[in-house]
Protein backbone atom coordinates (compact mmCIF):
# COMPACT_ATOMS: atom_id res chain seq x y z
CA MET A 1 162.74 52.10 72.36
CA ASN A 2 163.63 49.24 69.90
CA TRP A 3 166.00 46.63 71.22
CA ARG A 4 167.79 44.29 68.86
CA VAL A 5 169.84 41.14 69.30
CA ILE A 6 173.55 41.70 68.57
CA GLU A 7 175.01 38.44 70.06
CA ASP A 8 173.67 35.00 70.52
CA GLU A 9 175.54 32.00 71.87
CA TRP A 10 178.56 34.31 72.19
CA GLU A 11 181.86 33.10 73.62
CA VAL A 12 182.54 34.86 76.92
CA GLN A 13 186.23 34.67 76.09
CA PRO A 14 186.71 34.48 72.32
CA GLY A 15 188.22 31.20 71.25
CA ARG A 16 187.60 29.62 74.68
CA THR A 17 184.26 27.86 74.74
CA ASP A 18 185.32 26.12 77.96
CA ARG A 19 184.97 29.53 79.71
CA GLY A 20 181.32 29.72 78.89
CA ARG A 21 178.83 30.85 76.29
CA GLY A 22 176.45 33.73 76.87
CA ASP A 23 172.92 33.31 75.55
CA LEU A 24 171.85 36.76 74.20
CA VAL A 25 173.00 40.38 74.13
CA PHE A 26 170.65 43.14 73.11
CA THR A 27 171.30 46.82 72.39
CA ASP A 28 169.10 49.82 71.98
CA GLY A 29 171.71 51.36 69.65
CA SER A 30 172.32 54.23 72.11
CA GLY A 31 174.87 52.73 74.45
CA SER A 32 172.59 50.46 76.52
CA PHE A 33 173.10 46.67 76.55
CA ALA A 34 171.25 43.75 78.15
CA VAL A 35 173.06 40.50 78.69
CA VAL A 36 170.35 37.76 78.98
CA GLU A 37 170.71 34.21 80.19
CA VAL A 38 167.84 31.99 79.25
CA LYS A 39 167.15 28.75 81.14
CA ALA A 40 164.35 26.27 81.63
CA ILE A 41 163.38 25.45 85.22
CA ASP A 42 161.75 22.11 85.90
CA LEU A 43 158.36 23.10 87.24
CA GLU A 44 156.37 19.98 86.59
CA SER A 45 158.53 17.07 87.36
CA THR A 46 156.76 14.36 89.28
CA GLU A 47 159.84 12.23 89.82
CA ARG A 48 161.01 14.28 92.72
CA THR A 49 159.54 15.37 96.01
CA GLY A 50 158.43 19.05 96.29
CA THR A 51 161.32 19.88 98.67
CA THR A 52 163.95 18.31 96.42
CA LYS A 53 162.49 20.01 93.34
CA ARG A 54 162.44 23.46 95.07
CA VAL A 55 166.01 23.08 96.35
CA SER A 56 167.25 21.91 92.99
CA ASN A 57 165.43 24.77 91.17
CA ARG A 58 166.65 27.34 93.70
CA LYS A 59 170.31 26.25 93.20
CA LYS A 60 169.86 26.31 89.36
CA ARG A 61 168.27 29.76 89.53
CA ARG A 62 171.11 31.10 91.71
CA THR A 63 173.78 29.62 89.35
CA VAL A 64 172.13 31.24 86.36
CA GLU A 65 171.81 34.58 88.17
CA GLU A 66 175.50 34.57 88.98
CA GLN A 67 176.37 33.53 85.43
CA ALA A 68 174.15 36.40 84.01
CA PHE A 69 175.88 38.87 86.29
CA ARG A 70 179.38 37.62 85.58
CA TYR A 71 178.81 37.66 81.81
CA ALA A 72 177.46 41.25 81.96
CA GLU A 73 180.63 42.30 83.79
CA ILE A 74 182.82 40.61 81.12
CA TYR A 75 180.73 42.20 78.31
CA GLN A 76 181.16 45.61 79.89
CA LYS A 77 184.99 45.09 80.23
CA SER A 78 185.10 44.09 76.43
CA LEU A 79 183.25 47.33 75.53
CA ASN A 80 185.80 49.38 77.59
CA GLU A 81 188.67 47.59 75.86
CA ASP A 82 187.19 48.70 72.51
CA GLN A 83 187.37 52.29 73.70
CA THR A 84 183.55 52.49 73.70
CA VAL A 85 182.64 54.85 76.55
CA GLY A 86 179.33 55.72 78.26
CA ASN A 87 177.86 52.25 77.81
CA GLN A 88 175.47 50.72 80.33
CA VAL A 89 175.31 46.95 80.59
CA LYS A 90 172.64 45.22 82.70
CA SER A 91 172.22 41.55 83.33
CA TYR A 92 168.98 39.63 83.16
CA LEU A 93 167.67 36.12 83.76
CA PHE A 94 164.73 34.75 81.74
CA THR A 95 163.06 31.43 82.73
CA ASN A 96 159.79 29.66 82.16
CA GLU A 97 158.83 30.81 85.72
CA HIS A 98 157.91 34.31 84.62
CA ASN A 99 156.54 36.13 81.59
CA SER A 100 159.39 38.61 81.40
CA PRO A 101 163.09 38.84 82.11
CA LYS A 102 164.18 39.66 85.66
CA GLU A 103 167.13 41.98 86.24
CA VAL A 104 170.02 40.50 88.13
CA SER A 105 172.22 42.51 90.54
CA PHE A 106 174.40 41.70 93.42
């Protein structure tokens, strides 16, 4: 299956950048979409204690997971408004912690 990028730095609500910008949207061209949020996690900072760094990174990761999930829901709604039926939108998080994206679901 060949996935291609169809959106990058897309406005979650067109004309309202204050509502957020999604990072990437991919499609396989057959009705499947992947909304991907990409973030860097501070893995090597020596300025903070281990506990502080872990707590901070966990909070950032959780925020980005929620963002990815929310943006996927919004993208799904926009497809439904365009009368596009049968689409599947999944949300993913990609960080420097792993070599591949992680699917996000709540």
